[in-house]
Amino acid sequence: QVQLVESGGGLVQPGGSLRLSCAASGFTFISYAMSWYRQAPGKERELLATITSGGVSINYADSVKGRFTISRENAKNTVYLQMNSLKPEDTAVYYCYARYALRGYWGQGTQVTVSS
């Protein structure tokens, strides 16, 4: 069955870094565009970054541009989100999302807390 498993979340101090991973299985990963979203308490889910199936095109939300980097390793069916210069407002549950045409799959999320 389809699985997207995020990992790498945790507690980090402001200014610190984390790298999230999302391991995919049960579908043809290389065919899917991959995205990272986040959702803070009381807020809507926010699209952060998207990388196309071949990795040629990448887009970022203004809120994370210059601080976060999305990448993928198709040989490992994994997408990453490198997060630098973290701020308290980056605290949220982070989700990966796989999309191909009208088909989409979500991971279960990983908590990121930025606090001193």
PDB file of N, CA and C in Angstrom:
ATOM      1  N   GLN A   1       0.821  -1.182   0.000  1.00  0.00           N
ATOM      2  CA  GLN A   1       0.000   0.000   0.000  1.00  0.00           C
ATOM      3  C   GLN A   1       0.870   1.254   0.000  1.00  0.00           C
ATOM      4  N   VAL A   2       0.244   2.378  -0.328  1.00  0.00           N
ATOM      5  CA  VAL A   2       0.969   3.637  -0.391  1.00  0.00           C
ATOM      6  C   VAL A   2       1.354   4.094   1.004  1.00  0.00           C
ATOM      7  N   GLN A   3       2.617   4.486   1.140  1.00  0.00           N
ATOM      8  CA  GLN A   3       3.082   5.051   2.405  1.00  0.00           C
ATOM      9  C   GLN A   3       4.015   6.210   2.138  1.00  0.00           C
ATOM     10  N   LEU A   4       3.835   7.267   2.913  1.00  0.00           N
ATOM     11  CA  LEU A   4       4.771   8.388   2.976  1.00  0.00           C
ATOM     12  C   LEU A   4       5.095   8.576   4.447  1.00  0.00           C
ATOM     13  N   VAL A   5       6.354   8.394   4.790  1.00  0.00           N
ATOM     14  CA  VAL A   5       6.753   8.445   6.194  1.00  0.00           C
ATOM     15  C   VAL A   5       7.768   9.559   6.398  1.00  0.00           C
ATOM     16  N   GLU A   6       7.340  10.591   7.112  1.00  0.00           N
ATOM     17  CA  GLU A   6       8.229  11.711   7.411  1.00  0.00           C
ATOM     18  C   GLU A   6       9.052  11.411   8.658  1.00  0.00           C
ATOM     19  N   SER A   7      10.244  11.972   8.688  1.00  0.00           N
ATOM     20  CA  SER A   7      11.102  11.858   9.863  1.00  0.00           C
ATOM     21  C   SER A   7      12.019  13.073   9.915  1.00  0.00           C
ATOM     22  N   GLY A   8      12.672  13.241  11.055  1.00  0.00           N
ATOM     23  CA  GLY A   8      13.647  14.315  11.194  1.00  0.00           C
ATOM     24  C   GLY A   8      13.161  15.516  11.975  1.00  0.00           C
ATOM     25  N   GLY A   9      11.905  15.523  12.374  1.00  0.00           N
ATOM     26  CA  GLY A   9      11.403  16.625  13.168  1.00  0.00           C
ATOM     27  C   GLY A   9      11.947  16.586  14.586  1.00  0.00           C
ATOM     28  N   GLY A  10      11.643  17.645  15.334  1.00  0.00           N
ATOM     29  CA  GLY A  10      12.095  17.706  16.712  1.00  0.00           C
ATOM     30  C   GLY A  10      12.111  19.117  17.233  1.00  0.00           C
ATOM     31  N   LEU A  11      12.802  19.283  18.347  1.00  0.00           N
ATOM     32  CA  LEU A  11      12.937  20.587  18.988  1.00  0.00           C
ATOM     33  C   LEU A  11      14.283  21.197  18.610  1.00  0.00           C
ATOM     34  N   VAL A  12      14.263  22.435  18.175  1.00  0.00           N
ATOM     35  CA  VAL A  12      15.495  23.122  17.769  1.00  0.00           C
ATOM     36  C   VAL A  12      15.415  24.569  18.239  1.00  0.00           C
ATOM     37  N   GLN A  13      16.563  25.148  18.546  1.00  0.00           N
ATOM     38  CA  GLN A  13      16.608  26.539  18.969  1.00  0.00           C
ATOM     39  C   GLN A  13      16.482  27.474  17.774  1.00  0.00           C
ATOM     40  N   PRO A  14      15.995  28.676  17.995  1.00  0.00           N
ATOM     41  CA  PRO A  14      15.949  29.664  16.898  1.00  0.00           C
ATOM     42  C   PRO A  14      17.321  29.836  16.273  1.00  0.00           C
ATOM     43  N   GLY A  15      17.337  29.900  14.950  1.00  0.00           N
ATOM     44  CA  GLY A  15      18.590  29.997  14.219  1.00  0.00           C
ATOM     45  C   GLY A  15      19.179  28.656  13.842  1.00  0.00           C
ATOM     46  N   GLY A  16      18.625  27.581  14.377  1.00  0.00           N
ATOM     47  CA  GLY A  16      19.145  26.249  14.106  1.00  0.00           C
ATOM     48  C   GLY A  16      18.639  25.672  12.802  1.00  0.00           C
ATOM     49  N   SER A  17      19.030  24.420  12.572  1.00  0.00           N
ATOM     50  CA  SER A  17      18.688  23.733  11.327  1.00  0.00           C
ATOM     51  C   SER A  17      18.129  22.348  11.609  1.00  0.00           C
ATOM     52  N   LEU A  18      17.311  21.878  10.707  1.00  0.00           N
ATOM     53  CA  LEU A  18      16.815  20.507  10.707  1.00  0.00           C
ATOM     54  C   LEU A  18      16.697  20.043   9.260  1.00  0.00           C
ATOM     55  N   ARG A  19      16.834  18.744   9.055  1.00  0.00           N
ATOM     56  CA  ARG A  19      16.551  18.170   7.744  1.00  0.00           C
ATOM     57  C   ARG A  19      15.456  17.129   7.896  1.00  0.00           C
ATOM     58  N   LEU A  20      14.353  17.376   7.218  1.00  0.00           N
ATOM     59  CA  LEU A  20      13.260  16.421   7.198  1.00  0.00           C
ATOM     60  C   LEU A  20      13.422  15.475   6.014  1.00  0.00           C
ATOM     61  N   SER A  21      13.006  14.246   6.228  1.00  0.00           N
ATOM     62  CA  SER A  21      12.996  13.244   5.163  1.00  0.00           C
ATOM     63  C   SER A  21      11.588  12.687   5.022  1.00  0.00           C
ATOM     64  N   CYS A  22      11.261  12.284   3.821  1.00  0.00           N
ATOM     65  CA  CYS A  22       9.980  11.632   3.553  1.00  0.00           C
ATOM     66  C   CYS A  22      10.257  10.444   2.654  1.00  0.00           C
ATOM     67  N   ALA A  23      10.093   9.261   3.214  1.00  0.00           N
ATOM     68  CA  ALA A  23      10.339   8.024   2.483  1.00  0.00           C
ATOM     69  C   ALA A  23       9.036   7.499   1.899  1.00  0.00           C
ATOM     70  N   ALA A  24       9.038   7.256   0.601  1.00  0.00           N
ATOM     71  CA  ALA A  24       7.825   6.847  -0.112  1.00  0.00           C
ATOM     72  C   ALA A  24       7.885   5.386  -0.515  1.00  0.00           C
ATOM     73  N   SER A  25       6.730   4.754  -0.542  1.00  0.00           N
ATOM     74  CA  SER A  25       6.631   3.382  -1.034  1.00  0.00           C
ATOM     75  C   SER A  25       5.211   3.138  -1.519  1.00  0.00           C
ATOM     76  N   GLY A  26       5.066   2.113  -2.370  1.00  0.00           N
ATOM     77  CA  GLY A  26       3.748   1.722  -2.838  1.00  0.00           C
ATOM     78  C   GLY A  26       3.252   2.437  -4.076  1.00  0.00           C
ATOM     79  N   PHE A  27       4.075   3.301  -4.653  1.00  0.00           N
ATOM     80  CA  PHE A  27       3.715   3.966  -5.906  1.00  0.00           C
ATOM     81  C   PHE A  27       4.994   4.323  -6.650  1.00  0.00           C
ATOM     82  N   THR A  28       4.843   4.751  -7.895  1.00  0.00           N
ATOM     83  CA  THR A  28       6.004   5.047  -8.740  1.00  0.00           C
ATOM     84  C   THR A  28       6.512   6.445  -8.411  1.00  0.00           C
ATOM     85  N   PHE A  29       7.402   6.516  -7.439  1.00  0.00           N
ATOM     86  CA  PHE A  29       7.861   7.780  -6.875  1.00  0.00           C
ATOM     87  C   PHE A  29       8.385   8.729  -7.949  1.00  0.00           C
ATOM     88  N   ILE A  30       9.140   8.205  -8.893  1.00  0.00           N
ATOM     89  CA  ILE A  30       9.798   9.059  -9.881  1.00  0.00           C
ATOM     90  C   ILE A  30       8.802   9.817 -10.751  1.00  0.00           C
ATOM     91  N   SER A  31       7.571   9.353 -10.801  1.00  0.00           N
ATOM     92  CA  SER A  31       6.557   9.994 -11.643  1.00  0.00           C
ATOM     93  C   SER A  31       5.825  11.133 -10.946  1.00  0.00           C
ATOM     94  N   TYR A  32       6.018  11.246  -9.644  1.00  0.00           N
ATOM     95  CA  TYR A  32       5.235  12.162  -8.833  1.00  0.00           C
ATOM     96  C   TYR A  32       6.010  13.431  -8.500  1.00  0.00           C
ATOM     97  N   ALA A  33       5.311  14.578  -8.584  1.00  0.00           N
ATOM     98  CA  ALA A  33       5.826  15.797  -7.981  1.00  0.00           C
ATOM     99  C   ALA A  33       5.677  15.669  -6.467  1.00  0.00           C
ATOM    100  N   MET A  34       6.635  16.204  -5.745  1.00  0.00           N
ATOM    101  CA  MET A  34       6.630  16.094  -4.291  1.00  0.00           C
ATOM    102  C   MET A  34       6.624  17.483  -3.664  1.00  0.00           C
ATOM    103  N   SER A  35       5.870  17.615  -2.612  1.00  0.00           N
ATOM    104  CA  SER A  35       5.756  18.902  -1.930  1.00  0.00           C
ATOM    105  C   SER A  35       5.891  18.716  -0.423  1.00  0.00           C
ATOM    106  N   TRP A  36       6.268  19.798   0.220  1.00  0.00           N
ATOM    107  CA  TRP A  36       6.220  19.884   1.674  1.00  0.00           C
ATOM    108  C   TRP A  36       5.206  20.963   2.062  1.00  0.00           C
ATOM    109  N   TYR A  37       4.384  20.628   3.040  1.00  0.00           N
ATOM    110  CA  TYR A  37       3.418  21.543   3.627  1.00  0.00           C
ATOM    111  C   TYR A  37       3.685  21.613   5.129  1.00  0.00           C
ATOM    112  N   ARG A  38       3.078  22.580   5.772  1.00  0.00           N
ATOM    113  CA  ARG A  38       3.081  22.611   7.231  1.00  0.00           C
ATOM    114  C   ARG A  38       1.744  23.176   7.720  1.00  0.00           C
ATOM    115  N   GLN A  39       1.435  22.827   8.943  1.00  0.00           N
ATOM    116  CA  GLN A  39       0.226  23.329   9.560  1.00  0.00           C
ATOM    117  C   GLN A  39       0.498  23.634  11.021  1.00  0.00           C
ATOM    118  N   ALA A  40       0.347  24.905  11.367  1.00  0.00           N
ATOM    119  CA  ALA A  40       0.499  25.342  12.748  1.00  0.00           C
ATOM    120  C   ALA A  40      -0.865  25.307  13.414  1.00  0.00           C
ATOM    121  N   PRO A  41      -0.897  25.215  14.745  1.00  0.00           N
ATOM    122  CA  PRO A  41      -2.179  25.170  15.458  1.00  0.00           C
ATOM    123  C   PRO A  41      -3.048  26.375  15.115  1.00  0.00           C
ATOM    124  N   GLY A  42      -4.295  26.097  14.759  1.00  0.00           N
ATOM    125  CA  GLY A  42      -5.233  27.166  14.456  1.00  0.00           C
ATOM    126  C   GLY A  42      -5.062  27.805  13.100  1.00  0.00           C
ATOM    127  N   LYS A  43      -4.142  27.275  12.290  1.00  0.00           N
ATOM    128  CA  LYS A  43      -3.897  27.857  10.971  1.00  0.00           C
ATOM    129  C   LYS A  43      -4.153  26.834   9.880  1.00  0.00           C
ATOM    130  N   GLU A  44      -4.334  27.340   8.651  1.00  0.00           N
ATOM    131  CA  GLU A  44      -4.531  26.449   7.516  1.00  0.00           C
ATOM    132  C   GLU A  44      -3.205  25.810   7.106  1.00  0.00           C
ATOM    133  N   ARG A  45      -3.321  24.684   6.420  1.00  0.00           N
ATOM    134  CA  ARG A  45      -2.130  24.023   5.913  1.00  0.00           C
ATOM    135  C   ARG A  45      -1.508  24.909   4.828  1.00  0.00           C
ATOM    136  N   GLU A  46      -0.201  25.062   4.900  1.00  0.00           N
ATOM    137  CA  GLU A  46       0.531  25.978   4.034  1.00  0.00           C
ATOM    138  C   GLU A  46       1.495  25.209   3.145  1.00  0.00           C
ATOM    139  N   LEU A  47       1.435  25.482   1.837  1.00  0.00           N
ATOM    140  CA  LEU A  47       2.379  24.882   0.900  1.00  0.00           C
ATOM    141  C   LEU A  47       3.717  25.603   1.020  1.00  0.00           C
ATOM    142  N   LEU A  48       4.791  24.835   1.224  1.00  0.00           N
ATOM    143  CA  LEU A  48       6.114  25.420   1.415  1.00  0.00           C
ATOM    144  C   LEU A  48       6.996  25.305   0.174  1.00  0.00           C
ATOM    145  N   ALA A  49       7.014  24.131  -0.424  1.00  0.00           N
ATOM    146  CA  ALA A  49       7.940  23.897  -1.524  1.00  0.00           C
ATOM    147  C   ALA A  49       7.467  22.719  -2.350  1.00  0.00           C
ATOM    148  N   THR A  50       7.745  22.777  -3.643  1.00  0.00           N
ATOM    149  CA  THR A  50       7.399  21.697  -4.559  1.00  0.00           C
ATOM    150  C   THR A  50       8.567  21.438  -5.483  1.00  0.00           C
ATOM    151  N   ILE A  51       8.817  20.161  -5.751  1.00  0.00           N
ATOM    152  CA  ILE A  51       9.842  19.759  -6.702  1.00  0.00           C
ATOM    153  C   ILE A  51       9.195  18.806  -7.699  1.00  0.00           C
ATOM    154  N   THR A  52       9.416  19.043  -8.978  1.00  0.00           N
ATOM    155  CA  THR A  52       8.786  18.204  -9.992  1.00  0.00           C
ATOM    156  C   THR A  52       9.426  16.813 -10.020  1.00  0.00           C
ATOM    157  N   SER A  53       8.810  15.935 -10.795  1.00  0.00           N
ATOM    158  CA  SER A  53       9.218  14.528 -10.787  1.00  0.00           C
ATOM    159  C   SER A  53      10.690  14.368 -11.152  1.00  0.00           C
ATOM    160  N   GLY A  54      11.148  15.146 -12.113  1.00  0.00           N
ATOM    161  CA  GLY A  54      12.544  15.050 -12.512  1.00  0.00           C
ATOM    162  C   GLY A  54      13.459  15.962 -11.753  1.00  0.00           C
ATOM    163  N   GLY A  55      12.900  16.759 -10.868  1.00  0.00           N
ATOM    164  CA  GLY A  55      13.713  17.675 -10.075  1.00  0.00           C
ATOM    165  C   GLY A  55      14.142  18.923 -10.805  1.00  0.00           C
ATOM    166  N   VAL A  56      13.596  19.141 -12.000  1.00  0.00           N
ATOM    167  CA  VAL A  56      14.030  20.282 -12.806  1.00  0.00           C
ATOM    168  C   VAL A  56      13.445  21.583 -12.289  1.00  0.00           C
ATOM    169  N   SER A  57      12.201  21.541 -11.852  1.00  0.00           N
ATOM    170  CA  SER A  57      11.517  22.756 -11.419  1.00  0.00           C
ATOM    171  C   SER A  57      11.248  22.696  -9.924  1.00  0.00           C
ATOM    172  N   ILE A  58      11.576  23.780  -9.239  1.00  0.00           N
ATOM    173  CA  ILE A  58      11.387  23.880  -7.794  1.00  0.00           C
ATOM    174  C   ILE A  58      10.761  25.240  -7.491  1.00  0.00           C
ATOM    175  N   ASN A  59       9.796  25.231  -6.607  1.00  0.00           N
ATOM    176  CA  ASN A  59       9.155  26.476  -6.194  1.00  0.00           C
ATOM    177  C   ASN A  59       9.050  26.518  -4.680  1.00  0.00           C
ATOM    178  N   TYR A  60       9.139  27.736  -4.136  1.00  0.00           N
ATOM    179  CA  TYR A  60       9.067  27.935  -2.699  1.00  0.00           C
ATOM    180  C   TYR A  60       8.057  29.018  -2.347  1.00  0.00           C
ATOM    181  N   ALA A  61       7.464  28.871  -1.183  1.00  0.00           N
ATOM    182  CA  ALA A  61       6.660  29.953  -0.630  1.00  0.00           C
ATOM    183  C   ALA A  61       7.591  31.078  -0.182  1.00  0.00           C
ATOM    184  N   ASP A  62       7.074  32.299  -0.240  1.00  0.00           N
ATOM    185  CA  ASP A  62       7.900  33.438   0.168  1.00  0.00           C
ATOM    186  C   ASP A  62       8.364  33.311   1.610  1.00  0.00           C
ATOM    187  N   SER A  63       7.557  32.666   2.435  1.00  0.00           N
ATOM    188  CA  SER A  63       7.866  32.576   3.866  1.00  0.00           C
ATOM    189  C   SER A  63       9.120  31.745   4.154  1.00  0.00           C
ATOM    190  N   VAL A  64       9.517  30.898   3.211  1.00  0.00           N
ATOM    191  CA  VAL A  64      10.675  30.026   3.451  1.00  0.00           C
ATOM    192  C   VAL A  64      11.773  30.185   2.406  1.00  0.00           C
ATOM    193  N   LYS A  65      11.534  30.996   1.388  1.00  0.00           N
ATOM    194  CA  LYS A  65      12.510  31.160   0.314  1.00  0.00           C
ATOM    195  C   LYS A  65      13.821  31.685   0.882  1.00  0.00           C
ATOM    196  N   GLY A  66      14.923  31.036   0.496  1.00  0.00           N
ATOM    197  CA  GLY A  66      16.239  31.433   0.979  1.00  0.00           C
ATOM    198  C   GLY A  66      16.650  30.743   2.263  1.00  0.00           C
ATOM    199  N   ARG A  67      15.701  30.097   2.953  1.00  0.00           N
ATOM    200  CA  ARG A  67      16.018  29.389   4.203  1.00  0.00           C
ATOM    201  C   ARG A  67      15.838  27.880   4.074  1.00  0.00           C
ATOM    202  N   PHE A  68      14.845  27.463   3.282  1.00  0.00           N
ATOM    203  CA  PHE A  68      14.526  26.039   3.128  1.00  0.00           C
ATOM    204  C   PHE A  68      14.927  25.582   1.728  1.00  0.00           C
ATOM    205  N   THR A  69      15.346  24.324   1.638  1.00  0.00           N
ATOM    206  CA  THR A  69      15.704  23.733   0.348  1.00  0.00           C
ATOM    207  C   THR A  69      15.064  22.368   0.223  1.00  0.00           C
ATOM    208  N   ILE A  70      14.309  22.173  -0.843  1.00  0.00           N
ATOM    209  CA  ILE A  70      13.713  20.873  -1.125  1.00  0.00           C
ATOM    210  C   ILE A  70      14.595  20.139  -2.127  1.00  0.00           C
ATOM    211  N   SER A  71      14.704  18.833  -1.940  1.00  0.00           N
ATOM    212  CA  SER A  71      15.462  18.016  -2.884  1.00  0.00           C
ATOM    213  C   SER A  71      14.878  16.614  -2.874  1.00  0.00           C
ATOM    214  N   ARG A  72      15.233  15.835  -3.856  1.00  0.00           N
ATOM    215  CA  ARG A  72      14.733  14.459  -3.920  1.00  0.00           C
ATOM    216  C   ARG A  72      15.838  13.542  -4.402  1.00  0.00           C
ATOM    217  N   GLU A  73      15.747  12.312  -3.957  1.00  0.00           N
ATOM    218  CA  GLU A  73      16.674  11.269  -4.362  1.00  0.00           C
ATOM    219  C   GLU A  73      15.830  10.114  -4.870  1.00  0.00           C
ATOM    220  N   ASN A  74      15.615  10.093  -6.179  1.00  0.00           N
ATOM    221  CA  ASN A  74      14.684   9.113  -6.755  1.00  0.00           C
ATOM    222  C   ASN A  74      15.150   7.672  -6.545  1.00  0.00           C
ATOM    223  N   ALA A  75      16.442   7.456  -6.481  1.00  0.00           N
ATOM    224  CA  ALA A  75      16.946   6.102  -6.264  1.00  0.00           C
ATOM    225  C   ALA A  75      16.570   5.560  -4.887  1.00  0.00           C
ATOM    226  N   LYS A  76      16.290   6.491  -3.947  1.00  0.00           N
ATOM    227  CA  LYS A  76      15.905   6.085  -2.590  1.00  0.00           C
ATOM    228  C   LYS A  76      14.439   6.367  -2.295  1.00  0.00           C
ATOM    229  N   ASN A  77      13.704   6.816  -3.317  1.00  0.00           N
ATOM    230  CA  ASN A  77      12.277   7.151  -3.124  1.00  0.00           C
ATOM    231  C   ASN A  77      12.084   8.099  -1.939  1.00  0.00           C
ATOM    232  N   THR A  78      12.926   9.110  -1.868  1.00  0.00           N
ATOM    233  CA  THR A  78      12.915   9.995  -0.717  1.00  0.00           C
ATOM    234  C   THR A  78      12.987  11.454  -1.153  1.00  0.00           C
ATOM    235  N   VAL A  79      12.229  12.284  -0.464  1.00  0.00           N
ATOM    236  CA  VAL A  79      12.303  13.724  -0.643  1.00  0.00           C
ATOM    237  C   VAL A  79      12.733  14.338   0.687  1.00  0.00           C
ATOM    238  N   TYR A  80      13.495  15.429   0.587  1.00  0.00           N
ATOM    239  CA  TYR A  80      14.059  16.062   1.767  1.00  0.00           C
ATOM    240  C   TYR A  80      13.617  17.530   1.848  1.00  0.00           C
ATOM    241  N   LEU A  81      13.670  18.054   3.056  1.00  0.00           N
ATOM    242  CA  LEU A  81      13.508  19.487   3.261  1.00  0.00           C
ATOM    243  C   LEU A  81      14.582  19.929   4.248  1.00  0.00           C
ATOM    244  N   GLN A  82      15.571  20.628   3.728  1.00  0.00           N
ATOM    245  CA  GLN A  82      16.602  21.201   4.588  1.00  0.00           C
ATOM    246  C   GLN A  82      16.101  22.558   5.069  1.00  0.00           C
ATOM    247  N   MET A  83      16.067  22.722   6.373  1.00  0.00           N
ATOM    248  CA  MET A  83      15.537  23.947   6.970  1.00  0.00           C
ATOM    249  C   MET A  83      16.633  24.629   7.777  1.00  0.00           C
ATOM    250  N   ASN A  84      16.983  25.822   7.376  1.00  0.00           N
ATOM    251  CA  ASN A  84      18.013  26.607   8.053  1.00  0.00           C
ATOM    252  C   ASN A  84      17.420  27.888   8.618  1.00  0.00           C
ATOM    253  N   SER A  85      18.159  28.505   9.512  1.00  0.00           N
ATOM    254  CA  SER A  85      17.734  29.782  10.110  1.00  0.00           C
ATOM    255  C   SER A  85      16.303  29.703  10.623  1.00  0.00           C
ATOM    256  N   LEU A  86      16.028  28.670  11.375  1.00  0.00           N
ATOM    257  CA  LEU A  86      14.661  28.431  11.830  1.00  0.00           C
ATOM    258  C   LEU A  86      14.213  29.494  12.820  1.00  0.00           C
ATOM    259  N   LYS A  87      12.920  29.805  12.739  1.00  0.00           N
ATOM    260  CA  LYS A  87      12.305  30.829  13.578  1.00  0.00           C
ATOM    261  C   LYS A  87      11.173  30.204  14.390  1.00  0.00           C
ATOM    262  N   PRO A  88      10.808  30.817  15.500  1.00  0.00           N
ATOM    263  CA  PRO A  88       9.679  30.269  16.281  1.00  0.00           C
ATOM    264  C   PRO A  88       8.411  30.114  15.445  1.00  0.00           C
ATOM    265  N   GLU A  89       8.206  30.993  14.493  1.00  0.00           N
ATOM    266  CA  GLU A  89       7.010  30.895  13.652  1.00  0.00           C
ATOM    267  C   GLU A  89       7.052  29.736  12.657  1.00  0.00           C
ATOM    268  N   ASP A  90       8.171  29.040  12.590  1.00  0.00           N
ATOM    269  CA  ASP A  90       8.249  27.827  11.772  1.00  0.00           C
ATOM    270  C   ASP A  90       7.700  26.606  12.519  1.00  0.00           C
ATOM    271  N   THR A  91       7.354  26.776  13.770  1.00  0.00           N
ATOM    272  CA  THR A  91       6.790  25.682  14.554  1.00  0.00           C
ATOM    273  C   THR A  91       5.476  25.213  13.942  1.00  0.00           C
ATOM    274  N   ALA A  92       5.411  23.915  13.639  1.00  0.00           N
ATOM    275  CA  ALA A  92       4.243  23.354  12.962  1.00  0.00           C
ATOM    276  C   ALA A  92       4.449  21.847  12.799  1.00  0.00           C
ATOM    277  N   VAL A  93       3.394  21.190  12.340  1.00  0.00           N
ATOM    278  CA  VAL A  93       3.526  19.828  11.848  1.00  0.00           C
ATOM    279  C   VAL A  93       3.818  19.918  10.355  1.00  0.00           C
ATOM    280  N   TYR A  94       4.849  19.210   9.925  1.00  0.00           N
ATOM    281  CA  TYR A  94       5.290  19.249   8.537  1.00  0.00           C
ATOM    282  C   TYR A  94       4.886  17.946   7.847  1.00  0.00           C
ATOM    283  N   TYR A  95       4.309  18.109   6.647  1.00  0.00           N
ATOM    284  CA  TYR A  95       3.796  16.981   5.882  1.00  0.00           C
ATOM    285  C   TYR A  95       4.426  16.938   4.496  1.00  0.00           C
ATOM    286  N   CYS A  96       4.670  15.749   4.002  1.00  0.00           N
ATOM    287  CA  CYS A  96       5.011  15.637   2.595  1.00  0.00           C
ATOM    288  C   CYS A  96       3.777  15.177   1.822  1.00  0.00           C
ATOM    289  N   TYR A  97       3.771  15.522   0.540  1.00  0.00           N
ATOM    290  CA  TYR A  97       2.624  15.253  -0.322  1.00  0.00           C
ATOM    291  C   TYR A  97       3.141  14.861  -1.691  1.00  0.00           C
ATOM    292  N   ALA A  98       2.573  13.776  -2.230  1.00  0.00           N
ATOM    293  CA  ALA A  98       2.931  13.291  -3.556  1.00  0.00           C
ATOM    294  C   ALA A  98       1.752  13.515  -4.501  1.00  0.00           C
ATOM    295  N   ARG A  99       2.027  14.052  -5.676  1.00  0.00           N
ATOM    296  CA  ARG A  99       0.954  14.354  -6.626  1.00  0.00           C
ATOM    297  C   ARG A  99       1.320  13.919  -8.033  1.00  0.00           C
ATOM    298  N   TYR A 100       0.345  13.247  -8.682  1.00  0.00           N
ATOM    299  CA  TYR A 100       0.469  12.901 -10.099  1.00  0.00           C
ATOM    300  C   TYR A 100      -0.903  13.030 -10.715  1.00  0.00           C
ATOM    301  N   ALA A 101      -1.065  13.960 -11.613  1.00  0.00           N
ATOM    302  CA  ALA A 101      -2.369  14.260 -12.223  1.00  0.00           C
ATOM    303  C   ALA A 101      -3.363  14.551 -11.089  1.00  0.00           C
ATOM    304  N   LEU A 102      -4.454  13.795 -11.010  1.00  0.00           N
ATOM    305  CA  LEU A 102      -5.468  14.037  -9.983  1.00  0.00           C
ATOM    306  C   LEU A 102      -5.261  13.171  -8.743  1.00  0.00           C
ATOM    307  N   ARG A 103      -4.154  12.455  -8.688  1.00  0.00           N
ATOM    308  CA  ARG A 103      -3.898  11.539  -7.591  1.00  0.00           C
ATOM    309  C   ARG A 103      -2.933  12.185  -6.615  1.00  0.00           C
ATOM    310  N   GLY A 104      -3.239  12.067  -5.328  1.00  0.00           N
ATOM    311  CA  GLY A 104      -2.347  12.634  -4.321  1.00  0.00           C
ATOM    312  C   GLY A 104      -2.342  11.826  -3.052  1.00  0.00           C
ATOM    313  N   TYR A 105      -1.176  11.838  -2.379  1.00  0.00           N
ATOM    314  CA  TYR A 105      -1.023  11.083  -1.144  1.00  0.00           C
ATOM    315  C   TYR A 105      -0.337  11.961  -0.096  1.00  0.00           C
ATOM    316  N   TRP A 106      -0.775  11.812   1.158  1.00  0.00           N
ATOM    317  CA  TRP A 106      -0.203  12.568   2.265  1.00  0.00           C
ATOM    318  C   TRP A 106       0.552  11.647   3.216  1.00  0.00           C
ATOM    319  N   GLY A 107       1.589  12.200   3.820  1.00  0.00           N
ATOM    320  CA  GLY A 107       2.230  11.536   4.935  1.00  0.00           C
ATOM    321  C   GLY A 107       1.494  11.867   6.225  1.00  0.00           C
ATOM    322  N   GLN A 108       1.974  11.285   7.330  1.00  0.00           N
ATOM    323  CA  GLN A 108       1.298  11.459   8.620  1.00  0.00           C
ATOM    324  C   GLN A 108       1.786  12.697   9.367  1.00  0.00           C
ATOM    325  N   GLY A 109       2.890  13.267   8.921  1.00  0.00           N
ATOM    326  CA  GLY A 109       3.397  14.482   9.527  1.00  0.00           C
ATOM    327  C   GLY A 109       4.474  14.250  10.566  1.00  0.00           C
ATOM    328  N   THR A 110       5.316  15.268  10.735  1.00  0.00           N
ATOM    329  CA  THR A 110       6.334  15.253  11.771  1.00  0.00           C
ATOM    330  C   THR A 110       6.371  16.635  12.427  1.00  0.00           C
ATOM    331  N   GLN A 111       6.458  16.639  13.739  1.00  0.00           N
ATOM    332  CA  GLN A 111       6.385  17.901  14.484  1.00  0.00           C
ATOM    333  C   GLN A 111       7.750  18.585  14.493  1.00  0.00           C
ATOM    334  N   VAL A 112       7.740  19.875  14.189  1.00  0.00           N
ATOM    335  CA  VAL A 112       8.924  20.722  14.316  1.00  0.00           C
ATOM    336  C   VAL A 112       8.585  21.838  15.295  1.00  0.00           C
ATOM    337  N   THR A 113       9.405  21.959  16.333  1.00  0.00           N
ATOM    338  CA  THR A 113       9.211  23.000  17.333  1.00  0.00           C
ATOM    339  C   THR A 113      10.482  23.832  17.427  1.00  0.00           C
ATOM    340  N   VAL A 114      10.327  25.133  17.220  1.00  0.00           N
ATOM    341  CA  VAL A 114      11.463  26.051  17.287  1.00  0.00           C
ATOM    342  C   VAL A 114      11.278  26.921  18.530  1.00  0.00           C
ATOM    343  N   SER A 115      12.127  26.683  19.512  1.00  0.00           N
ATOM    344  CA  SER A 115      11.975  27.376  20.782  1.00  0.00           C
ATOM    345  C   SER A 115      13.288  27.373  21.539  1.00  0.00           C
ATOM    346  N   SER A 116      13.500  28.425  22.312  1.00  0.00           N
ATOM    347  CA  SER A 116      14.686  28.470  23.164  1.00  0.00           C
ATOM    348  C   SER A 116      14.349  27.958  24.564  1.00  0.00           C
TER     349      SER A 116
END
